Amino acid sequence: MNRIAEFFKASWEEFTQHVTWPTFKELQANTTLVLIGSLIFALVVGLMDLAFENGLNLFYRSF
């Protein structure tokens, strides 16, 4: 039981004393970057889906 208590004490000390947290501006910049990247990725996947759907429809109608 003592080892578990030591683990949590060391973890809490590491968490509160040694971790460097990003500033609010850094968080905003990273969030914006992730949002823009996600939107671009969704747009590319949507365009690919549309292209495959139309291409397969043309292919199936040819028979």
C-alpha atoms as a PDB file:
ATOM      1  CA  MET A   1       0.000   0.000   0.000  1.00  0.00           C
ATOM      2  CA  ASN A   2       2.937   2.315   0.718  1.00  0.00           C
ATOM      3  CA  ARG A   3       4.221   1.980  -2.855  1.00  0.00           C
ATOM      4  CA  ILE A   4       0.865   3.105  -4.228  1.00  0.00           C
ATOM      5  CA  ALA A   5       0.838   6.183  -2.001  1.00  0.00           C
ATOM      6  CA  GLU A   6       4.412   7.019  -3.054  1.00  0.00           C
ATOM      7  CA  PHE A   7       3.427   6.635  -6.710  1.00  0.00           C
ATOM      8  CA  PHE A   8       0.510   9.061  -6.365  1.00  0.00           C
ATOM      9  CA  LYS A   9       2.631  11.527  -4.378  1.00  0.00           C
ATOM     10  CA  ALA A  10       5.377  11.464  -7.026  1.00  0.00           C
ATOM     11  CA  SER A  11       2.808  11.716  -9.819  1.00  0.00           C
ATOM     12  CA  TRP A  12       1.147  14.722  -8.206  1.00  0.00           C
ATOM     13  CA  GLU A  13       4.520  16.434  -7.696  1.00  0.00           C
ATOM     14  CA  GLU A  14       5.451  15.816 -11.337  1.00  0.00           C
ATOM     15  CA  PHE A  15       2.064  17.076 -12.466  1.00  0.00           C
ATOM     16  CA  THR A  16       2.131  20.271 -10.418  1.00  0.00           C
ATOM     17  CA  GLN A  17       5.838  21.168 -10.372  1.00  0.00           C
ATOM     18  CA  HIS A  18       7.467  19.917 -13.574  1.00  0.00           C
ATOM     19  CA  VAL A  19       4.824  20.095 -16.302  1.00  0.00           C
ATOM     20  CA  THR A  20       4.890  23.215 -18.456  1.00  0.00           C
ATOM     21  CA  TRP A  21       1.427  24.191 -19.587  1.00  0.00           C
ATOM     22  CA  PRO A  22       0.805  26.052 -22.845  1.00  0.00           C
ATOM     23  CA  THR A  23      -0.411  29.624 -22.749  1.00  0.00           C
ATOM     24  CA  PHE A  24      -3.934  30.547 -23.792  1.00  0.00           C
ATOM     25  CA  LYS A  25      -2.639  32.041 -27.061  1.00  0.00           C
ATOM     26  CA  GLU A  26      -0.791  28.818 -27.876  1.00  0.00           C
ATOM     27  CA  LEU A  27      -3.953  26.817 -27.189  1.00  0.00           C
ATOM     28  CA  GLN A  28      -5.977  29.108 -29.446  1.00  0.00           C
ATOM     29  CA  ALA A  29      -3.422  28.837 -32.249  1.00  0.00           C
ATOM     30  CA  ASN A  30      -3.258  25.043 -32.010  1.00  0.00           C
ATOM     31  CA  THR A  31      -7.039  24.736 -31.840  1.00  0.00           C
ATOM     32  CA  THR A  32      -7.416  26.910 -34.932  1.00  0.00           C
ATOM     33  CA  LEU A  33      -4.823  24.829 -36.755  1.00  0.00           C
ATOM     34  CA  VAL A  34      -6.597  21.568 -35.877  1.00  0.00           C
ATOM     35  CA  LEU A  35      -9.976  23.012 -36.885  1.00  0.00           C
ATOM     36  CA  ILE A  36      -8.695  24.206 -40.272  1.00  0.00           C
ATOM     37  CA  GLY A  37      -6.891  20.908 -40.880  1.00  0.00           C
ATOM     38  CA  SER A  38     -10.020  18.938 -40.004  1.00  0.00           C
ATOM     39  CA  LEU A  39     -12.156  21.028 -42.343  1.00  0.00           C
ATOM     40  CA  ILE A  40      -9.682  20.599 -45.207  1.00  0.00           C
ATOM     41  CA  PHE A  41      -9.528  16.859 -44.592  1.00  0.00           C
ATOM     42  CA  ALA A  42     -13.348  16.621 -44.507  1.00  0.00           C
ATOM     43  CA  LEU A  43     -13.565  18.598 -47.757  1.00  0.00           C
ATOM     44  CA  VAL A  44     -11.041  16.339 -49.501  1.00  0.00           C
ATOM     45  CA  VAL A  45     -12.812  13.176 -48.321  1.00  0.00           C
ATOM     46  CA  GLY A  46     -16.185  14.623 -49.363  1.00  0.00           C
ATOM     47  CA  LEU A  47     -14.875  15.477 -52.828  1.00  0.00           C
ATOM     48  CA  MET A  48     -13.383  11.992 -53.192  1.00  0.00           C
ATOM     49  CA  ASP A  49     -16.708  10.454 -52.171  1.00  0.00           C
ATOM     50  CA  LEU A  50     -18.570  12.596 -54.672  1.00  0.00           C
ATOM     51  CA  ALA A  51     -16.125  11.717 -57.453  1.00  0.00           C
ATOM     52  CA  PHE A  52     -16.325   7.972 -56.754  1.00  0.00           C
ATOM     53  CA  GLU A  53     -20.116   8.092 -56.516  1.00  0.00           C
ATOM     54  CA  ASN A  54     -20.457   9.891 -59.850  1.00  0.00           C
ATOM     55  CA  GLY A  55     -17.813   7.724 -61.495  1.00  0.00           C
ATOM     56  CA  LEU A  56     -19.454   4.506 -60.361  1.00  0.00           C
ATOM     57  CA  ASN A  57     -22.902   5.759 -61.401  1.00  0.00           C
ATOM     58  CA  LEU A  58     -21.577   6.480 -64.901  1.00  0.00           C
ATOM     59  CA  PHE A  59     -19.905   3.073 -65.010  1.00  0.00           C
ATOM     60  CA  TYR A  60     -23.061   1.196 -63.907  1.00  0.00           C
ATOM     61  CA  ARG A  61     -25.292   3.120 -66.337  1.00  0.00           C
ATOM     62  CA  SER A  62     -23.087   2.088 -69.239  1.00  0.00           C
ATOM     63  CA  PHE A  63     -24.282  -1.539 -68.901  1.00  0.00           C
END
